[in-house]
Amino acid sequence: LLYNNGTVCDDSFNENSANAICREMGFDRQTSWSSITTWPIQYQYEITLDDVTCDRGAAWESCSYVESHNCGHTEDVFLTCNARPQFLLVDENGNRIRNGGTLGLLLYDDGT
């Protein structure tokens, strides 16, 4: 997981944080997160985010975090978001609606 071209530390990170970030990236929710993996590529990046705290169901804008850290790369967050949301809104041309306030056709997508 990268933020501002750097990695994210796991201090205070939890499922609420993971869900808020997945939603910010256009996914419905997180399916898993961990900080037990290390890849050589991590060391090419600075750690740019720490102490990410979000309330349950919160949008990213309401989460708190700091852009300094007291972490090592063994604490970098690895995040898996669901591949596709189950419900989608599309406009009259079939384009996915990503912003609120627009009338759209509700579709159910089971991922198959």
PDB file of N, CA and C in Angstrom:
ATOM      1  N   LEU A   1       0.847  -1.172   0.000  1.00  0.00           N
ATOM      2  CA  LEU A   1       0.000   0.000   0.000  1.00  0.00           C
ATOM      3  C   LEU A   1       0.893   1.235   0.000  1.00  0.00           C
ATOM      4  N   LEU A   2       0.672   2.126  -0.955  1.00  0.00           N
ATOM      5  CA  LEU A   2       1.473   3.349  -1.054  1.00  0.00           C
ATOM      6  C   LEU A   2       0.591   4.570  -0.831  1.00  0.00           C
ATOM      7  N   TYR A   3       1.146   5.553  -0.153  1.00  0.00           N
ATOM      8  CA  TYR A   3       0.500   6.843   0.054  1.00  0.00           C
ATOM      9  C   TYR A   3       1.536   7.912  -0.220  1.00  0.00           C
ATOM     10  N   ASN A   4       1.233   8.819  -1.126  1.00  0.00           N
ATOM     11  CA  ASN A   4       2.141   9.918  -1.434  1.00  0.00           C
ATOM     12  C   ASN A   4       3.539   9.387  -1.766  1.00  0.00           C
ATOM     13  N   ASN A   5       3.551   8.317  -2.573  1.00  0.00           N
ATOM     14  CA  ASN A   5       4.771   7.663  -3.039  1.00  0.00           C
ATOM     15  C   ASN A   5       5.618   7.072  -1.913  1.00  0.00           C
ATOM     16  N   GLY A   6       4.946   6.606  -0.870  1.00  0.00           N
ATOM     17  CA  GLY A   6       5.631   5.946   0.229  1.00  0.00           C
ATOM     18  C   GLY A   6       4.746   4.888   0.852  1.00  0.00           C
ATOM     19  N   THR A   7       5.312   4.088   1.736  1.00  0.00           N
ATOM     20  CA  THR A   7       4.550   3.011   2.352  1.00  0.00           C
ATOM     21  C   THR A   7       3.773   3.513   3.571  1.00  0.00           C
ATOM     22  N   VAL A   8       2.843   2.668   4.028  1.00  0.00           N
ATOM     23  CA  VAL A   8       1.975   2.990   5.160  1.00  0.00           C
ATOM     24  C   VAL A   8       2.315   2.054   6.310  1.00  0.00           C
ATOM     25  N   CYS A   9       2.548   2.615   7.482  1.00  0.00           N
ATOM     26  CA  CYS A   9       2.901   1.840   8.673  1.00  0.00           C
ATOM     27  C   CYS A   9       1.634   1.298   9.348  1.00  0.00           C
ATOM     28  N   ASP A  10       1.769   0.154  10.017  1.00  0.00           N
ATOM     29  CA  ASP A  10       0.606  -0.504  10.620  1.00  0.00           C
ATOM     30  C   ASP A  10       0.219   0.012  12.003  1.00  0.00           C
ATOM     31  N   ASP A  11       0.938   0.967  12.578  1.00  0.00           N
ATOM     32  CA  ASP A  11       0.567   1.488  13.898  1.00  0.00           C
ATOM     33  C   ASP A  11      -0.863   2.032  13.847  1.00  0.00           C
ATOM     34  N   SER A  12      -1.724   1.567  14.727  1.00  0.00           N
ATOM     35  CA  SER A  12      -3.145   1.964  14.839  1.00  0.00           C
ATOM     36  C   SER A  12      -3.997   1.488  13.675  1.00  0.00           C
ATOM     37  N   PHE A  13      -3.414   0.884  12.658  1.00  0.00           N
ATOM     38  CA  PHE A  13      -4.160   0.439  11.481  1.00  0.00           C
ATOM     39  C   PHE A  13      -5.050  -0.739  11.868  1.00  0.00           C
ATOM     40  N   ASN A  14      -6.297  -0.755  11.362  1.00  0.00           N
ATOM     41  CA  ASN A  14      -7.194  -1.863  11.622  1.00  0.00           C
ATOM     42  C   ASN A  14      -8.173  -2.027  10.459  1.00  0.00           C
ATOM     43  N   GLU A  15      -9.179  -2.878  10.633  1.00  0.00           N
ATOM     44  CA  GLU A  15     -10.137  -3.121   9.552  1.00  0.00           C
ATOM     45  C   GLU A  15     -10.859  -1.855   9.123  1.00  0.00           C
ATOM     46  N   ASN A  16     -11.161  -0.970  10.061  1.00  0.00           N
ATOM     47  CA  ASN A  16     -11.815   0.289   9.698  1.00  0.00           C
ATOM     48  C   ASN A  16     -10.939   1.120   8.778  1.00  0.00           C
ATOM     49  N   SER A  17      -9.641   1.179   9.080  1.00  0.00           N
ATOM     50  CA  SER A  17      -8.696   1.913   8.226  1.00  0.00           C
ATOM     51  C   SER A  17      -8.631   1.272   6.849  1.00  0.00           C
ATOM     52  N   ALA A  18      -8.539  -0.053   6.829  1.00  0.00           N
ATOM     53  CA  ALA A  18      -8.448  -0.778   5.560  1.00  0.00           C
ATOM     54  C   ALA A  18      -9.694  -0.552   4.708  1.00  0.00           C
ATOM     55  N   ASN A  19     -10.864  -0.605   5.319  1.00  0.00           N
ATOM     56  CA  ASN A  19     -12.100  -0.378   4.571  1.00  0.00           C
ATOM     57  C   ASN A  19     -12.175   1.029   4.011  1.00  0.00           C
ATOM     58  N   ALA A  20     -11.797   2.028   4.805  1.00  0.00           N
ATOM     59  CA  ALA A  20     -11.838   3.415   4.333  1.00  0.00           C
ATOM     60  C   ALA A  20     -10.905   3.613   3.147  1.00  0.00           C
ATOM     61  N   ILE A  21      -9.722   3.023   3.196  1.00  0.00           N
ATOM     62  CA  ILE A  21      -8.761   3.168   2.097  1.00  0.00           C
ATOM     63  C   ILE A  21      -9.250   2.434   0.852  1.00  0.00           C
ATOM     64  N   CYS A  22      -9.780   1.236   1.006  1.00  0.00           N
ATOM     65  CA  CYS A  22     -10.317   0.520  -0.158  1.00  0.00           C
ATOM     66  C   CYS A  22     -11.440   1.319  -0.810  1.00  0.00           C
ATOM     67  N   ARG A  23     -12.339   1.870  -0.001  1.00  0.00           N
ATOM     68  CA  ARG A  23     -13.417   2.685  -0.568  1.00  0.00           C
ATOM     69  C   ARG A  23     -12.860   3.916  -1.272  1.00  0.00           C
ATOM     70  N   GLU A  24     -11.829   4.532  -0.713  1.00  0.00           N
ATOM     71  CA  GLU A  24     -11.202   5.701  -1.339  1.00  0.00           C
ATOM     72  C   GLU A  24     -10.627   5.345  -2.707  1.00  0.00           C
ATOM     73  N   MET A  25     -10.186   4.106  -2.866  1.00  0.00           N
ATOM     74  CA  MET A  25      -9.612   3.655  -4.142  1.00  0.00           C
ATOM     75  C   MET A  25     -10.683   3.115  -5.092  1.00  0.00           C
ATOM     76  N   GLY A  26     -11.956   3.177  -4.710  1.00  0.00           N
ATOM     77  CA  GLY A  26     -13.030   2.768  -5.605  1.00  0.00           C
ATOM     78  C   GLY A  26     -13.531   1.350  -5.398  1.00  0.00           C
ATOM     79  N   PHE A  27     -13.048   0.675  -4.378  1.00  0.00           N
ATOM     80  CA  PHE A  27     -13.519  -0.669  -4.066  1.00  0.00           C
ATOM     81  C   PHE A  27     -14.598  -0.580  -2.988  1.00  0.00           C
ATOM     82  N   ASP A  28     -15.302  -1.686  -2.787  1.00  0.00           N
ATOM     83  CA  ASP A  28     -16.377  -1.718  -1.816  1.00  0.00           C
ATOM     84  C   ASP A  28     -15.861  -1.842  -0.394  1.00  0.00           C
ATOM     85  N   ARG A  29     -14.861  -2.698  -0.185  1.00  0.00           N
ATOM     86  CA  ARG A  29     -14.339  -2.950   1.160  1.00  0.00           C
ATOM     87  C   ARG A  29     -13.031  -3.719   1.066  1.00  0.00           C
ATOM     88  N   GLN A  30     -12.377  -3.892   2.197  1.00  0.00           N
ATOM     89  CA  GLN A  30     -11.172  -4.709   2.266  1.00  0.00           C
ATOM     90  C   GLN A  30     -11.569  -6.166   2.461  1.00  0.00           C
ATOM     91  N   THR A  31     -10.734  -7.060   1.969  1.00  0.00           N
ATOM     92  CA  THR A  31     -10.946  -8.474   2.245  1.00  0.00           C
ATOM     93  C   THR A  31      -9.895  -8.995   3.218  1.00  0.00           C
ATOM     94  N   SER A  32      -8.741  -8.348   3.264  1.00  0.00           N
ATOM     95  CA  SER A  32      -7.728  -8.692   4.249  1.00  0.00           C
ATOM     96  C   SER A  32      -6.641  -7.621   4.255  1.00  0.00           C
ATOM     97  N   TRP A  33      -5.917  -7.582   5.352  1.00  0.00           N
ATOM     98  CA  TRP A  33      -4.731  -6.731   5.430  1.00  0.00           C
ATOM     99  C   TRP A  33      -3.768  -7.393   6.407  1.00  0.00           C
ATOM    100  N   SER A  34      -2.497  -7.103   6.219  1.00  0.00           N
ATOM    101  CA  SER A  34      -1.487  -7.660   7.106  1.00  0.00           C
ATOM    102  C   SER A  34      -0.251  -6.767   7.077  1.00  0.00           C
ATOM    103  N   SER A  35       0.657  -7.073   7.966  1.00  0.00           N
ATOM    104  CA  SER A  35       1.952  -6.386   7.963  1.00  0.00           C
ATOM    105  C   SER A  35       3.051  -7.397   8.263  1.00  0.00           C
ATOM    106  N   ILE A  36       2.821  -8.635   7.895  1.00  0.00           N
ATOM    107  CA  ILE A  36       3.785  -9.696   8.203  1.00  0.00           C
ATOM    108  C   ILE A  36       4.651 -10.079   7.012  1.00  0.00           C
ATOM    109  N   THR A  37       4.428  -9.422   5.894  1.00  0.00           N
ATOM    110  CA  THR A  37       5.159  -9.723   4.668  1.00  0.00           C
ATOM    111  C   THR A  37       6.206  -8.646   4.422  1.00  0.00           C
ATOM    112  N   THR A  38       7.302  -9.009   3.836  1.00  0.00           N
ATOM    113  CA  THR A  38       8.253  -8.001   3.349  1.00  0.00           C
ATOM    114  C   THR A  38       8.668  -8.375   1.939  1.00  0.00           C
ATOM    115  N   TRP A  39       8.750  -7.386   1.101  1.00  0.00           N
ATOM    116  CA  TRP A  39       9.225  -7.521  -0.272  1.00  0.00           C
ATOM    117  C   TRP A  39      10.426  -6.604  -0.438  1.00  0.00           C
ATOM    118  N   PRO A  40      11.415  -6.998  -1.222  1.00  0.00           N
ATOM    119  CA  PRO A  40      12.590  -6.140  -1.427  1.00  0.00           C
ATOM    120  C   PRO A  40      12.245  -4.731  -1.925  1.00  0.00           C
ATOM    121  N   ILE A  41      11.179  -4.605  -2.691  1.00  0.00           N
ATOM    122  CA  ILE A  41      10.810  -3.300  -3.258  1.00  0.00           C
ATOM    123  C   ILE A  41      10.449  -2.279  -2.174  1.00  0.00           C
ATOM    124  N   GLN A  42      10.022  -2.726  -1.003  1.00  0.00           N
ATOM    125  CA  GLN A  42       9.624  -1.802   0.060  1.00  0.00           C
ATOM    126  C   GLN A  42      10.732  -0.823   0.419  1.00  0.00           C
ATOM    127  N   TYR A  43      11.952  -1.290   0.370  1.00  0.00           N
ATOM    128  CA  TYR A  43      13.081  -0.470   0.808  1.00  0.00           C
ATOM    129  C   TYR A  43      13.425   0.647  -0.184  1.00  0.00           C
ATOM    130  N   GLN A  44      12.754   0.640  -1.338  1.00  0.00           N
ATOM    131  CA  GLN A  44      12.931   1.729  -2.306  1.00  0.00           C
ATOM    132  C   GLN A  44      12.062   2.931  -1.964  1.00  0.00           C
ATOM    133  N   TYR A  45      11.193   2.784  -0.970  1.00  0.00           N
ATOM    134  CA  TYR A  45      10.240   3.831  -0.610  1.00  0.00           C
ATOM    135  C   TYR A  45      10.476   4.296   0.817  1.00  0.00           C
ATOM    136  N   GLU A  46      10.151   5.542   1.058  1.00  0.00           N
ATOM    137  CA  GLU A  46      10.100   6.065   2.418  1.00  0.00           C
ATOM    138  C   GLU A  46       8.765   5.625   3.033  1.00  0.00           C
ATOM    139  N   ILE A  47       8.688   5.658   4.326  1.00  0.00           N
ATOM    140  CA  ILE A  47       7.418   5.446   5.018  1.00  0.00           C
ATOM    141  C   ILE A  47       6.778   6.824   5.169  1.00  0.00           C
ATOM    142  N   THR A  48       5.605   7.020   4.586  1.00  0.00           N
ATOM    143  CA  THR A  48       5.019   8.362   4.527  1.00  0.00           C
ATOM    144  C   THR A  48       3.723   8.522   5.320  1.00  0.00           C
ATOM    145  N   LEU A  49       3.219   7.434   5.909  1.00  0.00           N
ATOM    146  CA  LEU A  49       1.963   7.538   6.650  1.00  0.00           C
ATOM    147  C   LEU A  49       1.999   6.603   7.851  1.00  0.00           C
ATOM    148  N   ASP A  50       1.505   7.075   8.985  1.00  0.00           N
ATOM    149  CA  ASP A  50       1.511   6.296  10.223  1.00  0.00           C
ATOM    150  C   ASP A  50       0.277   6.660  11.048  1.00  0.00           C
ATOM    151  N   ASP A  51      -0.021   5.821  12.004  1.00  0.00           N
ATOM    152  CA  ASP A  51      -1.114   6.047  12.955  1.00  0.00           C
ATOM    153  C   ASP A  51      -2.447   6.349  12.266  1.00  0.00           C
ATOM    154  N   VAL A  52      -2.782   5.551  11.263  1.00  0.00           N
ATOM    155  CA  VAL A  52      -4.052   5.720  10.545  1.00  0.00           C
ATOM    156  C   VAL A  52      -5.179   5.186  11.423  1.00  0.00           C
ATOM    157  N   THR A  53      -6.113   6.052  11.754  1.00  0.00           N
ATOM    158  CA  THR A  53      -7.252   5.687  12.590  1.00  0.00           C
ATOM    159  C   THR A  53      -8.533   6.148  11.921  1.00  0.00           C
ATOM    160  N   CYS A  54      -9.458   5.208  11.745  1.00  0.00           N
ATOM    161  CA  CYS A  54     -10.748   5.522  11.132  1.00  0.00           C
ATOM    162  C   CYS A  54     -11.850   4.886  11.969  1.00  0.00           C
ATOM    163  N   ASP A  55     -12.975   5.570  12.068  1.00  0.00           N
ATOM    164  CA  ASP A  55     -14.138   4.984  12.712  1.00  0.00           C
ATOM    165  C   ASP A  55     -14.792   3.995  11.760  1.00  0.00           C
ATOM    166  N   ARG A  56     -15.575   3.090  12.302  1.00  0.00           N
ATOM    167  CA  ARG A  56     -16.279   2.110  11.476  1.00  0.00           C
ATOM    168  C   ARG A  56     -17.173   2.826  10.472  1.00  0.00           C
ATOM    169  N   GLY A  57     -17.062   2.450   9.205  1.00  0.00           N
ATOM    170  CA  GLY A  57     -17.864   3.037   8.145  1.00  0.00           C
ATOM    171  C   GLY A  57     -17.417   4.416   7.695  1.00  0.00           C
ATOM    172  N   ALA A  58     -16.313   4.894   8.234  1.00  0.00           N
ATOM    173  CA  ALA A  58     -15.846   6.255   7.932  1.00  0.00           C
ATOM    174  C   ALA A  58     -15.300   6.371   6.523  1.00  0.00           C
ATOM    175  N   ALA A  59     -15.453   7.559   5.965  1.00  0.00           N
ATOM    176  CA  ALA A  59     -14.805   7.895   4.704  1.00  0.00           C
ATOM    177  C   ALA A  59     -13.367   8.313   5.010  1.00  0.00           C
ATOM    178  N   TRP A  60     -12.492   8.178   4.036  1.00  0.00           N
ATOM    179  CA  TRP A  60     -11.081   8.522   4.225  1.00  0.00           C
ATOM    180  C   TRP A  60     -10.914   9.942   4.759  1.00  0.00           C
ATOM    181  N   GLU A  61     -11.730  10.866   4.283  1.00  0.00           N
ATOM    182  CA  GLU A  61     -11.602  12.270   4.680  1.00  0.00           C
ATOM    183  C   GLU A  61     -11.767  12.467   6.184  1.00  0.00           C
ATOM    184  N   SER A  62     -12.465  11.563   6.854  1.00  0.00           N
ATOM    185  CA  SER A  62     -12.685  11.729   8.288  1.00  0.00           C
ATOM    186  C   SER A  62     -11.706  10.914   9.138  1.00  0.00           C
ATOM    187  N   CYS A  63     -10.792  10.205   8.502  1.00  0.00           N
ATOM    188  CA  CYS A  63      -9.784   9.434   9.228  1.00  0.00           C
ATOM    189  C   CYS A  63      -8.675  10.365   9.712  1.00  0.00           C
ATOM    190  N   SER A  64      -7.966   9.939  10.753  1.00  0.00           N
ATOM    191  CA  SER A  64      -6.815  10.707  11.211  1.00  0.00           C
ATOM    192  C   SER A  64      -5.541   9.911  10.945  1.00  0.00           C
ATOM    193  N   TYR A  65      -4.449  10.619  10.762  1.00  0.00           N
ATOM    194  CA  TYR A  65      -3.157   9.995  10.477  1.00  0.00           C
ATOM    195  C   TYR A  65      -2.070  11.041  10.633  1.00  0.00           C
ATOM    196  N   VAL A  66      -0.835  10.577  10.661  1.00  0.00           N
ATOM    197  CA  VAL A  66       0.303  11.485  10.658  1.00  0.00           C
ATOM    198  C   VAL A  66       1.216  11.124   9.494  1.00  0.00           C
ATOM    199  N   GLU A  67       1.890  12.119   8.962  1.00  0.00           N
ATOM    200  CA  GLU A  67       2.785  11.890   7.824  1.00  0.00           C
ATOM    201  C   GLU A  67       4.231  11.752   8.248  1.00  0.00           C
ATOM    202  N   SER A  68       4.471  11.598   9.535  1.00  0.00           N
ATOM    203  CA  SER A  68       5.784  11.225  10.053  1.00  0.00           C
ATOM    204  C   SER A  68       5.620   9.815  10.614  1.00  0.00           C
ATOM    205  N   HIS A  69       6.704   9.170  11.018  1.00  0.00           N
ATOM    206  CA  HIS A  69       6.559   7.792  11.480  1.00  0.00           C
ATOM    207  C   HIS A  69       7.634   7.421  12.485  1.00  0.00           C
ATOM    208  N   ASN A  70       7.380   6.323  13.175  1.00  0.00           N
ATOM    209  CA  ASN A  70       8.356   5.695  14.062  1.00  0.00           C
ATOM    210  C   ASN A  70       8.370   4.194  13.751  1.00  0.00           C
ATOM    211  N   CYS A  71       8.459   3.868  12.467  1.00  0.00           N
ATOM    212  CA  CYS A  71       8.274   2.500  11.982  1.00  0.00           C
ATOM    213  C   CYS A  71       9.475   2.030  11.167  1.00  0.00           C
ATOM    214  N   GLY A  72       9.515   0.742  10.975  1.00  0.00           N
ATOM    215  CA  GLY A  72      10.421   0.122  10.021  1.00  0.00           C
ATOM    216  C   GLY A  72       9.590  -0.558   8.942  1.00  0.00           C
ATOM    217  N   HIS A  73      10.216  -0.951   7.860  1.00  0.00           N
ATOM    218  CA  HIS A  73       9.470  -1.558   6.758  1.00  0.00           C
ATOM    219  C   HIS A  73       8.845  -2.905   7.108  1.00  0.00           C
ATOM    220  N   THR A  74       9.248  -3.516   8.208  1.00  0.00           N
ATOM    221  CA  THR A  74       8.581  -4.744   8.646  1.00  0.00           C
ATOM    222  C   THR A  74       7.169  -4.456   9.154  1.00  0.00           C
ATOM    223  N   GLU A  75       6.814  -3.168   9.273  1.00  0.00           N
ATOM    224  CA  GLU A  75       5.474  -2.765   9.708  1.00  0.00           C
ATOM    225  C   GLU A  75       4.638  -2.210   8.554  1.00  0.00           C
ATOM    226  N   ASP A  76       5.114  -2.314   7.318  1.00  0.00           N
ATOM    227  CA  ASP A  76       4.354  -1.826   6.162  1.00  0.00           C
ATOM    228  C   ASP A  76       3.060  -2.619   5.995  1.00  0.00           C
ATOM    229  N   VAL A  77       2.003  -1.917   5.610  1.00  0.00           N
ATOM    230  CA  VAL A  77       0.695  -2.533   5.414  1.00  0.00           C
ATOM    231  C   VAL A  77       0.595  -3.125   4.013  1.00  0.00           C
ATOM    232  N   PHE A  78       0.121  -4.360   3.952  1.00  0.00           N
ATOM    233  CA  PHE A  78      -0.265  -5.025   2.703  1.00  0.00           C
ATOM    234  C   PHE A  78      -1.781  -5.155   2.746  1.00  0.00           C
ATOM    235  N   LEU A  79      -2.449  -4.719   1.687  1.00  0.00           N
ATOM    236  CA  LEU A  79      -3.904  -4.613   1.694  1.00  0.00           C
ATOM    237  C   LEU A  79      -4.486  -5.317   0.481  1.00  0.00           C
ATOM    238  N   THR A  80      -5.559  -6.060   0.699  1.00  0.00           N
ATOM    239  CA  THR A  80      -6.323  -6.673  -0.387  1.00  0.00           C
ATOM    240  C   THR A  80      -7.735  -6.119  -0.317  1.00  0.00           C
ATOM    241  N   CYS A  81      -8.176  -5.516  -1.409  1.00  0.00           N
ATOM    242  CA  CYS A  81      -9.541  -5.009  -1.495  1.00  0.00           C
ATOM    243  C   CYS A  81     -10.354  -5.957  -2.371  1.00  0.00           C
ATOM    244  N   ASN A  82     -11.681  -5.970  -2.145  1.00  0.00           N
ATOM    245  CA  ASN A  82     -12.493  -6.839  -2.978  1.00  0.00           C
ATOM    246  C   ASN A  82     -12.379  -6.399  -4.431  1.00  0.00           C
ATOM    247  N   ALA A  83     -12.444  -7.372  -5.303  1.00  0.00           N
ATOM    248  CA  ALA A  83     -12.212  -7.111  -6.730  1.00  0.00           C
ATOM    249  C   ALA A  83     -13.272  -6.214  -7.345  1.00  0.00           C
ATOM    250  N   ARG A  84     -14.513  -6.392  -6.929  1.00  0.00           N
ATOM    251  CA  ARG A  84     -15.585  -5.621  -7.527  1.00  0.00           C
ATOM    252  C   ARG A  84     -16.695  -5.412  -6.506  1.00  0.00           C
ATOM    253  N   PRO A  85     -17.281  -4.256  -6.497  1.00  0.00           N
ATOM    254  CA  PRO A  85     -18.430  -4.071  -5.620  1.00  0.00           C
ATOM    255  C   PRO A  85     -19.603  -4.915  -6.105  1.00  0.00           C
ATOM    256  N   GLN A  86     -20.474  -5.310  -5.188  1.00  0.00           N
ATOM    257  CA  GLN A  86     -21.628  -6.105  -5.593  1.00  0.00           C
ATOM    258  C   GLN A  86     -22.716  -5.248  -6.218  1.00  0.00           C
ATOM    259  N   PHE A  87     -22.858  -4.025  -5.751  1.00  0.00           N
ATOM    260  CA  PHE A  87     -23.863  -3.138  -6.308  1.00  0.00           C
ATOM    261  C   PHE A  87     -23.190  -2.010  -7.063  1.00  0.00           C
ATOM    262  N   LEU A  88     -23.733  -1.672  -8.203  1.00  0.00           N
ATOM    263  CA  LEU A  88     -23.202  -0.587  -9.021  1.00  0.00           C
ATOM    264  C   LEU A  88     -24.341   0.316  -9.453  1.00  0.00           C
ATOM    265  N   LEU A  89     -24.041   1.581  -9.635  1.00  0.00           N
ATOM    266  CA  LEU A  89     -24.966   2.505 -10.280  1.00  0.00           C
ATOM    267  C   LEU A  89     -24.379   2.864 -11.630  1.00  0.00           C
ATOM    268  N   VAL A  90     -25.210   2.802 -12.672  1.00  0.00           N
ATOM    269  CA  VAL A  90     -24.753   3.173 -14.008  1.00  0.00           C
ATOM    270  C   VAL A  90     -25.699   4.214 -14.583  1.00  0.00           C
ATOM    271  N   ASP A  91     -25.151   5.062 -15.458  1.00  0.00           N
ATOM    272  CA  ASP A  91     -25.973   6.065 -16.120  1.00  0.00           C
ATOM    273  C   ASP A  91     -26.632   5.465 -17.357  1.00  0.00           C
ATOM    274  N   GLU A  92     -27.305   6.300 -18.118  1.00  0.00           N
ATOM    275  CA  GLU A  92     -28.059   5.814 -19.289  1.00  0.00           C
ATOM    276  C   GLU A  92     -27.168   5.220 -20.378  1.00  0.00           C
ATOM    277  N   ASN A  93     -25.863   5.478 -20.311  1.00  0.00           N
ATOM    278  CA  ASN A  93     -24.926   4.908 -21.282  1.00  0.00           C
ATOM    279  C   ASN A  93     -24.182   3.690 -20.737  1.00  0.00           C
ATOM    280  N   GLY A  94     -24.527   3.275 -19.509  1.00  0.00           N
ATOM    281  CA  GLY A  94     -23.864   2.130 -18.919  1.00  0.00           C
ATOM    282  C   GLY A  94     -22.565   2.459 -18.205  1.00  0.00           C
ATOM    283  N   ASN A  95     -22.253   3.761 -18.059  1.00  0.00           N
ATOM    284  CA  ASN A  95     -21.035   4.169 -17.355  1.00  0.00           C
ATOM    285  C   ASN A  95     -21.265   4.154 -15.856  1.00  0.00           C
ATOM    286  N   ARG A  96     -20.293   3.650 -15.110  1.00  0.00           N
ATOM    287  CA  ARG A  96     -20.411   3.580 -13.658  1.00  0.00           C
ATOM    288  C   ARG A  96     -20.447   4.985 -13.072  1.00  0.00           C
ATOM    289  N   ILE A  97     -21.374   5.215 -12.153  1.00  0.00           N
ATOM    290  CA  ILE A  97     -21.495   6.493 -11.459  1.00  0.00           C
ATOM    291  C   ILE A  97     -20.670   6.410 -10.189  1.00  0.00           C
ATOM    292  N   ARG A  98     -19.725   7.314 -10.028  1.00  0.00           N
ATOM    293  CA  ARG A  98     -18.842   7.286  -8.864  1.00  0.00           C
ATOM    294  C   ARG A  98     -19.123   8.422  -7.890  1.00  0.00           C
ATOM    295  N   ASN A  99     -19.911   9.407  -8.301  1.00  0.00           N
ATOM    296  CA  ASN A  99     -20.217  10.539  -7.440  1.00  0.00           C
ATOM    297  C   ASN A  99     -21.692  10.516  -7.077  1.00  0.00           C
ATOM    298  N   GLY A 100     -22.005  10.919  -5.862  1.00  0.00           N
ATOM    299  CA  GLY A 100     -23.391  10.970  -5.427  1.00  0.00           C
ATOM    300  C   GLY A 100     -24.152  12.079  -6.121  1.00  0.00           C
ATOM    301  N   GLY A 101     -25.467  12.052  -5.960  1.00  0.00           N
ATOM    302  CA  GLY A 101     -26.309  13.103  -6.503  1.00  0.00           C
ATOM    303  C   GLY A 101     -26.715  12.900  -7.947  1.00  0.00           C
ATOM    304  N   THR A 102     -26.398  11.732  -8.524  1.00  0.00           N
ATOM    305  CA  THR A 102     -26.749  11.454  -9.911  1.00  0.00           C
ATOM    306  C   THR A 102     -27.668  10.243  -9.958  1.00  0.00           C
ATOM    307  N   LEU A 103     -28.776  10.368 -10.662  1.00  0.00           N
ATOM    308  CA  LEU A 103     -29.703   9.259 -10.816  1.00  0.00           C
ATOM    309  C   LEU A 103     -29.051   8.165 -11.642  1.00  0.00           C
ATOM    310  N   GLY A 104     -29.203   6.916 -11.192  1.00  0.00           N
ATOM    311  CA  GLY A 104     -28.605   5.812 -11.933  1.00  0.00           C
ATOM    312  C   GLY A 104     -29.390   4.537 -11.758  1.00  0.00           C
ATOM    313  N   LEU A 105     -29.166   3.623 -12.676  1.00  0.00           N
ATOM    314  CA  LEU A 105     -29.759   2.298 -12.634  1.00  0.00           C
ATOM    315  C   LEU A 105     -28.941   1.446 -11.676  1.00  0.00           C
ATOM    316  N   LEU A 106     -29.606   0.772 -10.730  1.00  0.00           N
ATOM    317  CA  LEU A 106     -28.935  -0.071  -9.750  1.00  0.00           C
ATOM    318  C   LEU A 106     -28.738  -1.457 -10.335  1.00  0.00           C
ATOM    319  N   LEU A 107     -27.478  -1.930 -10.337  1.00  0.00           N
ATOM    320  CA  LEU A 107     -27.151  -3.249 -10.827  1.00  0.00           C
ATOM    321  C   LEU A 107     -26.551  -4.084  -9.703  1.00  0.00           C
ATOM    322  N   TYR A 108     -26.780  -5.384  -9.751  1.00  0.00           N
ATOM    323  CA  TYR A 108     -26.153  -6.317  -8.832  1.00  0.00           C
ATOM    324  C   TYR A 108     -25.133  -7.108  -9.608  1.00  0.00           C
ATOM    325  N   ASP A 109     -23.921  -7.194  -9.078  1.00  0.00           N
ATOM    326  CA  ASP A 109     -22.830  -7.908  -9.747  1.00  0.00           C
ATOM    327  C   ASP A 109     -22.284  -8.953  -8.801  1.00  0.00           C
ATOM    328  N   ASP A 110     -22.471 -10.225  -9.127  1.00  0.00           N
ATOM    329  CA  ASP A 110     -21.985 -11.280  -8.227  1.00  0.00           C
ATOM    330  C   ASP A 110     -20.547 -11.656  -8.495  1.00  0.00           C
ATOM    331  N   GLY A 111     -19.869 -10.935  -9.394  1.00  0.00           N
ATOM    332  CA  GLY A 111     -18.450 -11.169  -9.653  1.00  0.00           C
ATOM    333  C   GLY A 111     -18.177 -12.267 -10.663  1.00  0.00           C
ATOM    334  N   THR A 112     -19.213 -12.882 -11.219  1.00  0.00           N
ATOM    335  CA  THR A 112     -18.980 -13.943 -12.198  1.00  0.00           C
ATOM    336  C   THR A 112     -19.076 -13.420 -13.607  1.00  0.00           C
TER     337      THR A 112
END
